[in-house]
C-alpha atoms as a PDB file:
ATOM      1  CA  MET A   1      99.945 113.443  92.613  1.00  0.00           C
ATOM      2  CA  LEU A   2      99.124 116.058  95.240  1.00  0.00           C
ATOM      3  CA  PHE A   3      98.776 113.485  97.957  1.00  0.00           C
ATOM      4  CA  GLU A   4     102.287 112.000  97.257  1.00  0.00           C
ATOM      5  CA  ASN A   5     103.874 115.081  98.927  1.00  0.00           C
ATOM      6  CA  PRO A   6     102.397 115.548 102.425  1.00  0.00           C
ATOM      7  CA  LEU A   7     104.258 118.862 102.816  1.00  0.00           C
ATOM      8  CA  VAL A   8     102.228 119.988  99.879  1.00  0.00           C
ATOM      9  CA  VAL A   9      99.110 118.938 101.386  1.00  0.00           C
ATOM     10  CA  PHE A  10      99.887 120.596 104.597  1.00  0.00           C
ATOM     11  CA  ALA A  11     100.851 123.952 102.919  1.00  0.00           C
ATOM     12  CA  ALA A  12      97.716 123.836 100.597  1.00  0.00           C
ATOM     13  CA  SER A  13      95.327 122.911 103.340  1.00  0.00           C
ATOM     14  CA  LEU A  14      96.582 125.480 105.756  1.00  0.00           C
ATOM     15  CA  ALA A  15      96.378 128.362 103.180  1.00  0.00           C
ATOM     16  CA  GLY A  16      92.932 127.212 102.055  1.00  0.00           C
ATOM     17  CA  LEU A  17      91.377 126.701 105.493  1.00  0.00           C
ATOM     18  CA  TRP A  18      92.908 130.000 106.775  1.00  0.00           C
ATOM     19  CA  LEU A  19      91.446 131.762 103.574  1.00  0.00           C
ATOM     20  CA  SER A  20      88.056 130.204 104.362  1.00  0.00           C
ATOM     21  CA  ALA A  21      88.034 131.476 107.950  1.00  0.00           C
ATOM     22  CA  GLN A  22      89.013 135.002 106.699  1.00  0.00           C
ATOM     23  CA  VAL A  23      86.247 134.945 104.174  1.00  0.00           C
ATOM     24  CA  GLY A  24      83.860 134.111 106.781  1.00  0.00           C
ATOM     25  CA  ALA A  25      84.983 136.917 109.087  1.00  0.00           C
ATOM     26  CA  TYR A  26      84.875 139.276 106.061  1.00  0.00           C
ATOM     27  CA  LEU A  27      81.173 138.319 105.424  1.00  0.00           C
ATOM     28  CA  ARG A  28      80.345 138.839 109.018  1.00  0.00           C
ATOM     29  CA  ARG A  29      81.638 142.384 109.115  1.00  0.00           C
ATOM     30  CA  ARG A  30      79.712 143.180 106.062  1.00  0.00           C
ATOM     31  CA  THR A  31      76.290 141.772 107.372  1.00  0.00           C
ATOM     32  CA  GLY A  32      76.820 143.410 110.750  1.00  0.00           C
ATOM     33  CA  LYS A  33      76.211 142.091 114.211  1.00  0.00           C
ATOM     34  CA  GLU A  34      73.991 138.915 114.518  1.00  0.00           C
ATOM     35  CA  GLU A  35      71.005 138.597 116.718  1.00  0.00           C
ATOM     36  CA  PRO A  36      71.289 136.534 119.899  1.00  0.00           C
ATOM     37  CA  ASN A  37      69.076 133.772 118.513  1.00  0.00           C
ATOM     38  CA  GLU A  38      71.104 133.690 115.204  1.00  0.00           C
ATOM     39  CA  ARG A  39      74.463 133.432 117.270  1.00  0.00           C
ATOM     40  CA  GLU A  40      72.989 130.382 119.046  1.00  0.00           C
ATOM     41  CA  ASP A  41      71.889 128.850 115.938  1.00  0.00           C
ATOM     42  CA  LEU A  42      75.233 129.373 114.264  1.00  0.00           C
ATOM     43  CA  GLY A  43      77.062 128.044 117.198  1.00  0.00           C
ATOM     44  CA  THR A  44      75.062 124.862 117.004  1.00  0.00           C
ATOM     45  CA  VAL A  45      75.835 124.516 113.323  1.00  0.00           C
ATOM     46  CA  LEU A  46      79.510 125.218 113.831  1.00  0.00           C
ATOM     47  CA  ALA A  47      79.691 122.617 116.786  1.00  0.00           C
ATOM     48  CA  ALA A  48      78.004 119.906 114.537  1.00  0.00           C
ATOM     49  CA  THR A  49      80.251 120.717 111.610  1.00  0.00           C
ATOM     50  CA  LEU A  50      83.430 120.479 113.678  1.00  0.00           C
ATOM     51  CA  THR A  51      82.136 117.242 115.347  1.00  0.00           C
ATOM     52  CA  LEU A  52      81.650 115.678 111.861  1.00  0.00           C
ATOM     53  CA  LEU A  53      84.974 116.858 110.877  1.00  0.00           C
ATOM     54  CA  GLY A  54      86.644 115.173 113.689  1.00  0.00           C
ATOM     55  CA  LEU A  55      84.872 111.876 113.011  1.00  0.00           C
ATOM     56  CA  ILE A  56      85.797 112.104 109.231  1.00  0.00           C
ATOM     57  CA  ILE A  57      89.378 112.733 110.105  1.00  0.00           C
ATOM     58  CA  GLY A  58      89.589 109.723 112.602  1.00  0.00           C
ATOM     59  CA  PHE A  59      87.923 107.577 110.014  1.00  0.00           C
ATOM     60  CA  THR A  60      90.370 108.628 107.233  1.00  0.00           C
ATOM     61  CA  PHE A  61      93.244 108.200 109.669  1.00  0.00           C
ATOM     62  CA  SER A  62      92.055 104.741 110.404  1.00  0.00           C
ATOM     63  CA  MET A  63      91.967 103.906 106.654  1.00  0.00           C
ATOM     64  CA  ALA A  64      95.504 105.168 106.165  1.00  0.00           C
ATOM     65  CA  ASN A  65      96.884 103.331 109.260  1.00  0.00           C
ATOM     66  CA  SER A  66      95.175 100.002 108.030  1.00  0.00           C
ATOM     67  CA  ARG A  67      96.620 100.331 104.576  1.00  0.00           C
ATOM     68  CA  TYR A  68     100.178 101.141 106.087  1.00  0.00           C
ATOM     69  CA  ASP A  69      99.804  97.880 108.321  1.00  0.00           C
ATOM     70  CA  ARG A  70      98.969  96.039 105.112  1.00  0.00           C
ATOM     71  CA  ARG A  71     102.060  97.175 103.318  1.00  0.00           C
ATOM     72  CA  LYS A  72     104.227  95.983 106.272  1.00  0.00           C
ATOM     73  CA  GLU A  73     102.470  92.563 106.371  1.00  0.00           C
ATOM     74  CA  CYS A  74     103.189  92.189 102.612  1.00  0.00           C
ATOM     75  CA  GLU A  75     106.703  93.005 103.156  1.00  0.00           C
ATOM     76  CA  ALA A  76     107.068  90.293 105.773  1.00  0.00           C
ATOM     77  CA  ALA A  77     105.152  87.841 103.536  1.00  0.00           C
ATOM     78  CA  GLU A  78     107.541  88.339 100.710  1.00  0.00           C
ATOM     79  CA  ALA A  79     110.547  87.878 103.026  1.00  0.00           C
ATOM     80  CA  ASN A  80     109.250  84.716 104.365  1.00  0.00           C
ATOM     81  CA  ALA A  81     108.161  83.367 100.941  1.00  0.00           C
ATOM     82  CA  ILE A  82     111.726  83.991  99.345  1.00  0.00           C
ATOM     83  CA  GLY A  83     113.525  82.592 102.565  1.00  0.00           C
ATOM     84  CA  THR A  84     111.443  79.464 102.561  1.00  0.00           C
ATOM     85  CA  GLU A  85     111.844  78.793  98.769  1.00  0.00           C
ATOM     86  CA  TYR A  86     115.639  79.452  98.994  1.00  0.00           C
ATOM     87  CA  VAL A  87     115.714  76.502 101.402  1.00  0.00           C
ATOM     88  CA  ARG A  88     113.220  74.341  99.349  1.00  0.00           C
ATOM     89  CA  VAL A  89     115.204  74.378  96.234  1.00  0.00           C
ATOM     90  CA  GLU A  90     118.020  72.455  97.885  1.00  0.00           C
ATOM     91  CA  LEU A  91     115.684  69.480  97.528  1.00  0.00           C
ATOM     92  CA  LEU A  92     116.253  69.553  93.787  1.00  0.00           C
ATOM     93  CA  ALA A  93     119.459  68.391  91.824  1.00  0.00           C
ATOM     94  CA  ALA A  94     122.557  70.293  92.920  1.00  0.00           C
ATOM     95  CA  ALA A  95     123.002  71.962  89.614  1.00  0.00           C
ATOM     96  CA  ASP A  96     119.341  73.117  89.368  1.00  0.00           C
ATOM     97  CA  ALA A  97     119.435  74.209  93.132  1.00  0.00           C
ATOM     98  CA  ALA A  98     122.499  76.359  92.632  1.00  0.00           C
ATOM     99  CA  GLY A  99     120.995  78.215  89.582  1.00  0.00           C
ATOM    100  CA  ILE A 100     117.756  78.910  91.271  1.00  0.00           C
ATOM    101  CA  GLN A 101     119.288  80.145  94.431  1.00  0.00           C
ATOM    102  CA  ALA A 102     121.477  82.388  92.611  1.00  0.00           C
ATOM    103  CA  LEU A 103     118.302  83.888  90.822  1.00  0.00           C
ATOM    104  CA  LEU A 104     116.617  84.210  94.165  1.00  0.00           C
ATOM    105  CA  ARG A 105     119.339  86.302  95.475  1.00  0.00           C
ATOM    106  CA  ASP A 106     119.207  88.722  92.446  1.00  0.00           C
ATOM    107  CA  TYR A 107     115.358  88.692  92.962  1.00  0.00           C
ATOM    108  CA  LEU A 108     115.908  89.490  96.595  1.00  0.00           C
ATOM    109  CA  GLN A 109     118.016  92.426  95.881  1.00  0.00           C
ATOM    110  CA  GLN A 110     115.279  93.852  93.458  1.00  0.00           C
ATOM    111  CA  ARG A 111     112.719  93.512  96.068  1.00  0.00           C
ATOM    112  CA  ILE A 112     114.781  95.427  98.637  1.00  0.00           C
ATOM    113  CA  SER A 113     115.310  98.152  95.872  1.00  0.00           C
ATOM    114  CA  PHE A 114     111.518  98.312  95.499  1.00  0.00           C
ATOM    115  CA  TYR A 115     111.311  99.576  99.083  1.00  0.00           C
ATOM    116  CA  THR A 116     114.334 101.755  99.143  1.00  0.00           C
ATOM    117  CA  SER A 117     114.182 103.535  95.652  1.00  0.00           C
ATOM    118  CA  ARG A 118     112.454 106.999  95.280  1.00  0.00           C
ATOM    119  CA  GLY A 119     113.099 108.113  91.706  1.00  0.00           C
ATOM    120  CA  GLN A 120     110.693 107.067  89.123  1.00  0.00           C
ATOM    121  CA  THR A 121     113.421 106.161  86.681  1.00  0.00           C
ATOM    122  CA  ARG A 122     114.886 103.714  89.251  1.00  0.00           C
ATOM    123  CA  LEU A 123     111.548 102.313  90.037  1.00  0.00           C
ATOM    124  CA  ASP A 124     110.928 101.542  86.313  1.00  0.00           C
ATOM    125  CA  GLN A 125     114.237  99.756  86.179  1.00  0.00           C
ATOM    126  CA  VAL A 126     113.454  97.822  89.311  1.00  0.00           C
ATOM    127  CA  GLY A 127     109.955  96.864  87.911  1.00  0.00           C
ATOM    128  CA  THR A 128     111.584  95.691  84.682  1.00  0.00           C
ATOM    129  CA  ALA A 129     114.156  93.749  86.350  1.00  0.00           C
ATOM    130  CA  THR A 130     111.521  92.075  88.846  1.00  0.00           C
ATOM    131  CA  ALA A 131     109.346  90.951  85.993  1.00  0.00           C
ATOM    132  CA  ARG A 132     112.278  89.482  84.035  1.00  0.00           C
ATOM    133  CA  LEU A 133     113.536  87.601  86.989  1.00  0.00           C
ATOM    134  CA  GLN A 134     110.042  86.337  87.735  1.00  0.00           C
ATOM    135  CA  GLY A 135     109.908  84.746  84.314  1.00  0.00           C
ATOM    136  CA  VAL A 136     113.251  83.164  84.587  1.00  0.00           C
ATOM    137  CA  LEU A 137     112.567  81.964  88.107  1.00  0.00           C
ATOM    138  CA  TRP A 138     109.374  80.206  87.046  1.00  0.00           C
ATOM    139  CA  ALA A 139     110.996  78.669  84.055  1.00  0.00           C
ATOM    140  CA  ALA A 140     113.823  77.378  86.289  1.00  0.00           C
ATOM    141  CA  VAL A 141     111.367  75.486  88.568  1.00  0.00           C
ATOM    142  CA  ARG A 142     108.905  74.406  85.857  1.00  0.00           C
ATOM    143  CA  SER A 143     111.388  72.289  84.021  1.00  0.00           C
ATOM    144  CA  PRO A 144     112.422  70.021  87.194  1.00  0.00           C
ATOM    145  CA  ALA A 145     108.765  69.847  88.104  1.00  0.00           C
ATOM    146  CA  ALA A 146     107.643  68.711  84.683  1.00  0.00           C
ATOM    147  CA  ASP A 147     110.503  66.163  84.316  1.00  0.00           C
ATOM    148  CA  GLN A 148     110.365  64.611  87.708  1.00  0.00           C
ATOM    149  CA  ARG A 149     106.654  64.967  88.715  1.00  0.00           C
ATOM    150  CA  THR A 150     107.477  64.086  92.325  1.00  0.00           C
ATOM    151  CA  PRO A 151     105.974  65.751  95.553  1.00  0.00           C
ATOM    152  CA  THR A 152     109.390  67.298  96.057  1.00  0.00           C
ATOM    153  CA  ALA A 153     109.351  69.058  92.656  1.00  0.00           C
ATOM    154  CA  ALA A 154     105.692  70.105  93.297  1.00  0.00           C
ATOM    155  CA  LEU A 155     106.657  71.473  96.713  1.00  0.00           C
ATOM    156  CA  VAL A 156     109.355  73.606  95.072  1.00  0.00           C
ATOM    157  CA  ALA A 157     107.107  74.670  92.380  1.00  0.00           C
ATOM    158  CA  ALA A 158     104.402  75.743  95.094  1.00  0.00           C
ATOM    159  CA  GLY A 159     107.025  77.747  96.928  1.00  0.00           C
ATOM    160  CA  MET A 160     107.969  79.730  93.811  1.00  0.00           C
ATOM    161  CA  ASN A 161     104.238  80.417  93.242  1.00  0.00           C
ATOM    162  CA  ASP A 162     104.223  82.029  96.763  1.00  0.00           C
ATOM    163  CA  VAL A 163     107.212  84.126  95.809  1.00  0.00           C
ATOM    164  CA  LEU A 164     105.519  85.494  92.716  1.00  0.00           C
ATOM    165  CA  ASN A 165     102.148  85.869  94.462  1.00  0.00           C
ATOM    166  CA  THR A 166     103.463  87.854  97.345  1.00  0.00           C
ATOM    167  CA  GLU A 167     105.030  90.398  94.840  1.00  0.00           C
ATOM    168  CA  ALA A 168     101.615  90.908  93.360  1.00  0.00           C
ATOM    169  CA  TYR A 169     100.015  91.167  96.716  1.00  0.00           C
ATOM    170  CA  THR A 170     102.618  93.856  97.736  1.00  0.00           C
ATOM    171  CA  ARG A 171     102.079  95.802  94.388  1.00  0.00           C
ATOM    172  CA  ALA A 172      98.349  95.643  95.132  1.00  0.00           C
ATOM    173  CA  ALA A 173      98.688  97.094  98.659  1.00  0.00           C
ATOM    174  CA  TRP A 174     100.943 100.021  97.516  1.00  0.00           C
ATOM    175  CA  TRP A 175      98.228 101.001  95.018  1.00  0.00           C
ATOM    176  CA  ASN A 176      95.610 100.759  97.673  1.00  0.00           C
ATOM    177  CA  ARG A 177      95.286 104.371  98.741  1.00  0.00           C
ATOM    178  CA  ILE A 178      92.715 106.538 100.449  1.00  0.00           C
ATOM    179  CA  PRO A 179      90.058 107.275  97.815  1.00  0.00           C
ATOM    180  CA  VAL A 180      89.950 110.905  96.147  1.00  0.00           C
ATOM    181  CA  ALA A 181      86.292 111.053  97.274  1.00  0.00           C
ATOM    182  CA  ALA A 182      87.209 110.588 100.968  1.00  0.00           C
ATOM    183  CA  TRP A 183      89.764 113.428 100.704  1.00  0.00           C
ATOM    184  CA  THR A 184      87.206 115.560  98.829  1.00  0.00           C
ATOM    185  CA  LEU A 185      84.577 115.093 101.443  1.00  0.00           C
ATOM    186  CA  MET A 186      87.001 115.785 104.436  1.00  0.00           C
ATOM    187  CA  VAL A 187      88.304 118.927 102.749  1.00  0.00           C
ATOM    188  CA  ALA A 188      84.879 120.107 101.978  1.00  0.00           C
ATOM    189  CA  ILE A 189      83.873 119.725 105.748  1.00  0.00           C
ATOM    190  CA  ALA A 190      86.916 121.372 106.979  1.00  0.00           C
ATOM    191  CA  VAL A 191      86.283 124.311 104.523  1.00  0.00           C
ATOM    192  CA  PHE A 192      82.716 124.828 105.681  1.00  0.00           C
ATOM    193  CA  GLY A 193      83.843 124.456 109.262  1.00  0.00           C
ATOM    194  CA  ASN A 194      86.502 127.128 109.075  1.00  0.00           C
ATOM    195  CA  PHE A 195      84.130 129.473 107.075  1.00  0.00           C
ATOM    196  CA  LEU A 196      81.488 129.131 109.974  1.00  0.00           C
ATOM    197  CA  LEU A 197      84.235 129.699 112.596  1.00  0.00           C
ATOM    198  CA  GLY A 198      85.244 133.033 110.935  1.00  0.00           C
ATOM    199  CA  PHE A 199      81.592 134.004 110.346  1.00  0.00           C
ATOM    200  CA  THR A 200      80.698 133.407 114.070  1.00  0.00           C
ATOM    201  CA  ALA A 201      83.942 134.739 115.731  1.00  0.00           C
ATOM    202  CA  GLN A 202      82.735 138.256 116.274  1.00  0.00           C
ATOM    203  CA  ARG A 203      84.412 138.578 119.594  1.00  0.00           C
ATOM    204  CA  LEU A 204      87.711 137.879 117.762  1.00  0.00           C
ATOM    205  CA  GLN A 205      87.668 141.273 115.897  1.00  0.00           C
ATOM    206  CA  GLY A 206      91.088 142.781 116.148  1.00  0.00           C
ATOM    207  CA  LYS A 207      92.599 139.275 116.900  1.00  0.00           C
ATOM    208  CA  MET A 208      92.045 137.597 113.649  1.00  0.00           C
ATOM    209  CA  HIS A 209      95.369 135.736 113.941  1.00  0.00           C
ATOM    210  CA  LEU A 210      93.493 133.486 116.306  1.00  0.00           C
ATOM    211  CA  LEU A 211      91.617 132.126 113.376  1.00  0.00           C
ATOM    212  CA  LEU A 212      94.804 130.401 112.343  1.00  0.00           C
ATOM    213  CA  ILE A 213      94.626 127.856 115.200  1.00  0.00           C
ATOM    214  CA  LEU A 214      91.939 125.607 113.823  1.00  0.00           C
ATOM    215  CA  PRO A 215      93.301 125.678 110.209  1.00  0.00           C
ATOM    216  CA  LEU A 216      96.737 124.677 111.684  1.00  0.00           C
ATOM    217  CA  ILE A 217      95.438 121.833 113.696  1.00  0.00           C
ATOM    218  CA  VAL A 218      93.426 120.471 110.848  1.00  0.00           C
ATOM    219  CA  SER A 219      96.347 120.853 108.451  1.00  0.00           C
ATOM    220  CA  ILE A 220      98.662 119.006 110.820  1.00  0.00           C
ATOM    221  CA  ALA A 221      96.076 116.127 110.786  1.00  0.00           C
ATOM    222  CA  PHE A 222      95.836 116.148 107.066  1.00  0.00           C
ATOM    223  CA  LEU A 223      99.679 115.977 107.054  1.00  0.00           C
ATOM    224  CA  LEU A 224      99.820 112.916 109.254  1.00  0.00           C
ATOM    225  CA  ILE A 225      97.154 111.185 107.181  1.00  0.00           C
ATOM    226  CA  ALA A 226      98.904 112.053 103.855  1.00  0.00           C
ATOM    227  CA  ASP A 227     102.229 110.988 105.310  1.00  0.00           C
ATOM    228  CA  ILE A 228     100.966 107.541 106.410  1.00  0.00           C
ATOM    229  CA  ASP A 229      99.069 106.980 103.175  1.00  0.00           C
ATOM    230  CA  SER A 230     101.947 107.789 100.844  1.00  0.00           C
ATOM    231  CA  PRO A 231     104.172 104.685 100.427  1.00  0.00           C
ATOM    232  CA  ARG A 232     107.185 106.858  99.244  1.00  0.00           C
ATOM    233  CA  GLY A 233     106.579 110.542  99.604  1.00  0.00           C
ATOM    234  CA  GLY A 234     106.349 110.793 103.331  1.00  0.00           C
ATOM    235  CA  LEU A 235     108.580 110.311 106.252  1.00  0.00           C
ATOM    236  CA  ILE A 236     106.687 107.254 107.501  1.00  0.00           C
ATOM    237  CA  ARG A 237     107.688 104.555 105.118  1.00  0.00           C
ATOM    238  CA  VAL A 238     107.894 100.829 105.168  1.00  0.00           C
ATOM    239  CA  SER A 239     111.305  99.568 105.687  1.00  0.00           C
ATOM    240  CA  PRO A 240     112.423  96.307 104.103  1.00  0.00           C
ATOM    241  CA  GLN A 241     113.824  95.078 107.323  1.00  0.00           C
ATOM    242  CA  ASN A 242     112.431  91.681 106.892  1.00  0.00           C
ATOM    243  CA  LEU A 243     113.857  91.215 103.342  1.00  0.00           C
ATOM    244  CA  GLU A 244     117.168  92.687 104.535  1.00  0.00           C
ATOM    245  CA  SER A 245     117.333  90.097 107.394  1.00  0.00           C
ATOM    246  CA  VAL A 246     116.929  87.375 104.761  1.00  0.00           C
ATOM    247  CA  GLY A 247     119.568  88.865 102.625  1.00  0.00           C
ATOM    248  CA  SER A 248     122.055  88.825 105.686  1.00  0.00           C
ATOM    249  CA  SER A 249     121.157  85.210 106.425  1.00  0.00           C
ATOM    250  CA  LEU A 250     121.904  84.491 102.812  1.00  0.00           C
ATOM    251  CA  GLY A 251     125.352  86.211 103.056  1.00  0.00           C
ATOM    252  CA  PHE A 252     124.770  89.584 101.292  1.00  0.00           C
END
């Protein structure tokens, strides 16, 4: 739940990383000045740690971005499946087609609500309504397909199957988040990097506010990753523009 709120991630990481740098600086003051060889060795370790941190941040950002792109692709696939099936059901008898098209309009509204709703109570209502409509929609095309057993009825049934499958793919894409293990590794490396920065920053004595720069930069990177990876909690969200476009073409 921490990663559902990118601002909390930013605040927690900034405080934790800044504290790590301060602890490193405090321990350096307690141990006294380092020897020249020790300073060089610590500088090498710090450079290697920060390089690894940069690589991990870039890799994690790539993971978040690919998941965001996948959610957009699923939204477009849903819109295409619903729009195609709405047209295909016109091949059935007029009475059957009118009823299924009305159900598809209701279903489309629920799918748009899935992308725009934020509260958990509303999301539960949308999930329940979606599951109910899926059962009704499948039953509505199953009867004509079983009675007629024609290629046309089979095509309509296959289209409805696509409608139901794309919703499942969307749900799976929204569940697919950056693993906690990846976050743990990235945070651990960032903590050690800032600790080493404070420990080696002897020339910053009296200017300890400068130790805030690296924690701030890393926290902003964490904020961006968490924002992209959070389907609902951040500012960067998947808009149901394709579903809304289908809805406009259907007259609502």
